[in-house]
């Protein structure tokens, strides 16, 4: 894998008052979970944190969702119940981040010698 190359998978749920996001680590296991709820959510998620984007869709600035916000939208703030509702009713968003090339060792790419100043 090239330096910086990665894929980000998240599920976006458009609620009544907020937009909610949860992150998925393993998309194949998530798709399997959608048809077989016996698959533990811990197999495709590493963080059980719900984010809000303040009605800016899937691309807005993300903040952690407060208990009050979750209670107002889902009737509970229990992480597993809220995340399950988001995963079931949300839409999958997949983003690819391209790799970047550049110097591997910055100390060997410059022509400046430590302690010397050219005049």
Protein backbone atom coordinates (compact mmCIF):
# COMPACT_ATOMS: atom_id res chain seq x y z
CA UNK A 1 0.00 0.00 0.00
CA UNK A 2 1.28 3.44 -0.92
CA UNK A 3 1.83 5.95 1.87
CA UNK A 4 -1.45 7.60 2.87
CA UNK A 5 -3.69 5.33 0.79
CA UNK A 6 -6.82 4.22 2.62
CA UNK A 7 -10.54 3.60 2.40
CA UNK A 8 -13.06 5.07 4.81
CA UNK A 9 -16.47 3.45 5.20
CA UNK A 10 -19.24 5.12 7.16
CA UNK A 11 -22.99 4.78 7.50
CA UNK A 12 -24.98 8.03 7.29
CA UNK A 13 -28.41 8.26 8.91
CA UNK A 14 -30.58 11.30 8.20
CA UNK A 15 -32.62 11.93 11.33
CA UNK A 16 -35.37 14.41 12.08
CA UNK A 17 -33.12 17.02 13.72
CA UNK A 18 -29.56 15.78 12.99
CA UNK A 19 -27.48 13.68 10.63
CA UNK A 20 -25.70 10.77 12.31
CA UNK A 21 -22.54 8.89 11.30
CA UNK A 22 -20.95 5.64 12.47
CA UNK A 23 -17.77 4.15 11.03
CA UNK A 24 -17.43 0.61 9.70
CA UNK A 25 -14.06 -1.15 9.49
CA UNK A 26 -14.97 -4.29 7.53
CA UNK A 27 -17.54 -3.70 4.79
CA UNK A 28 -17.93 -7.38 3.85
CA UNK A 29 -18.77 -8.41 7.43
CA UNK A 30 -21.16 -5.43 7.70
CA UNK A 31 -23.00 -6.60 4.58
CA UNK A 32 -23.17 -10.10 6.04
CA UNK A 33 -24.58 -8.63 9.32
CA UNK A 34 -27.36 -6.89 7.38
CA UNK A 35 -28.87 -10.27 6.50
CA UNK A 36 -27.63 -12.24 9.54
CA UNK A 37 -27.95 -10.33 12.84
CA UNK A 38 -26.14 -13.15 14.71
CA UNK A 39 -22.83 -11.64 13.45
CA UNK A 40 -21.49 -9.47 16.31
CA UNK A 41 -21.16 -5.77 15.47
CA UNK A 42 -17.69 -5.87 17.06
CA UNK A 43 -16.54 -7.93 14.05
CA UNK A 44 -16.95 -4.99 11.67
CA UNK A 45 -16.72 -1.94 13.96
CA UNK A 46 -13.79 -0.93 16.16
CA UNK A 47 -15.39 2.19 17.64
CA UNK A 48 -18.92 2.27 19.00
CA UNK A 49 -19.14 6.05 18.81
CA UNK A 50 -21.95 7.99 17.15
CA UNK A 51 -21.16 11.30 15.47
CA UNK A 52 -23.44 14.17 14.42
CA UNK A 53 -22.80 16.52 11.48
CA UNK A 54 -25.22 19.30 12.46
CA UNK A 55 -27.45 18.79 9.40
CA UNK A 56 -24.51 18.94 6.97
CA UNK A 57 -25.03 15.45 5.57
CA UNK A 58 -22.33 12.82 5.39
CA UNK A 59 -19.58 15.39 4.72
CA UNK A 60 -20.10 17.86 7.57
CA UNK A 61 -17.86 18.47 10.56
CA UNK A 62 -18.35 15.61 12.99
CA UNK A 63 -18.83 15.93 16.73
CA UNK A 64 -19.68 13.23 19.24
CA UNK A 65 -23.43 12.87 19.70
CA UNK A 66 -24.71 13.87 23.14
CA UNK A 67 -27.04 11.65 25.17
CA UNK A 68 -29.79 14.28 24.81
CA UNK A 69 -29.46 14.33 21.01
CA UNK A 70 -29.60 10.53 20.86
CA UNK A 71 -32.57 10.40 23.26
CA UNK A 72 -34.49 12.96 21.18
CA UNK A 73 -33.91 11.09 17.91
CA UNK A 74 -33.94 7.41 18.92
CA UNK A 75 -35.70 7.39 22.29
CA UNK A 76 -32.56 5.99 23.94
CA UNK A 77 -28.88 6.77 24.24
CA UNK A 78 -27.74 3.15 24.64
CA UNK A 79 -24.87 2.84 22.14
CA UNK A 80 -25.67 -0.63 20.86
CA UNK A 81 -29.36 0.16 20.22
CA UNK A 82 -28.65 3.51 18.54
CA UNK A 83 -25.86 2.11 16.37
CA UNK A 84 -28.06 -0.82 15.33
CA UNK A 85 -30.79 1.63 14.21
CA UNK A 86 -28.25 3.70 12.27
CA UNK A 87 -26.74 0.63 10.60
CA UNK A 88 -30.19 -0.68 9.62
CA UNK A 89 -31.69 2.61 8.40
CA UNK A 90 -28.65 4.51 7.14
CA UNK A 91 -26.88 4.63 3.80
CA UNK A 92 -23.37 3.31 3.22
CA UNK A 93 -20.77 5.93 2.24
CA UNK A 94 -17.39 4.72 0.97
CA UNK A 95 -14.48 7.11 0.34
CA UNK A 96 -11.13 6.30 -1.25
CA UNK A 97 -8.10 8.34 -0.31
CA UNK A 98 -5.34 8.14 -2.93
CA UNK A 99 -1.77 7.42 -1.97
CA UNK A 100 0.89 10.05 -2.13
CA UNK A 101 4.48 9.84 -3.17
CA UNK A 102 7.27 11.88 -1.75
CA UNK A 103 10.63 11.69 -0.12
CA UNK A 104 11.08 8.76 2.20
CA UNK A 105 13.78 10.41 4.31
CA UNK A 106 13.63 14.20 4.46
CA UNK A 107 17.05 14.43 6.08
CA UNK A 108 18.66 13.16 2.87
CA UNK A 109 16.70 15.22 0.33
CA UNK A 110 17.87 18.74 1.15
CA UNK A 111 21.19 20.39 0.38
CA UNK A 112 21.43 22.31 3.64
CA UNK A 113 24.21 21.15 5.92
CA UNK A 114 23.55 21.57 9.63
CA UNK A 115 25.45 24.49 11.10
CA UNK A 116 26.40 26.08 7.77
CA UNK A 117 24.79 29.14 6.29
CA UNK A 118 25.62 30.09 2.71
CA UNK A 119 26.14 33.80 2.02
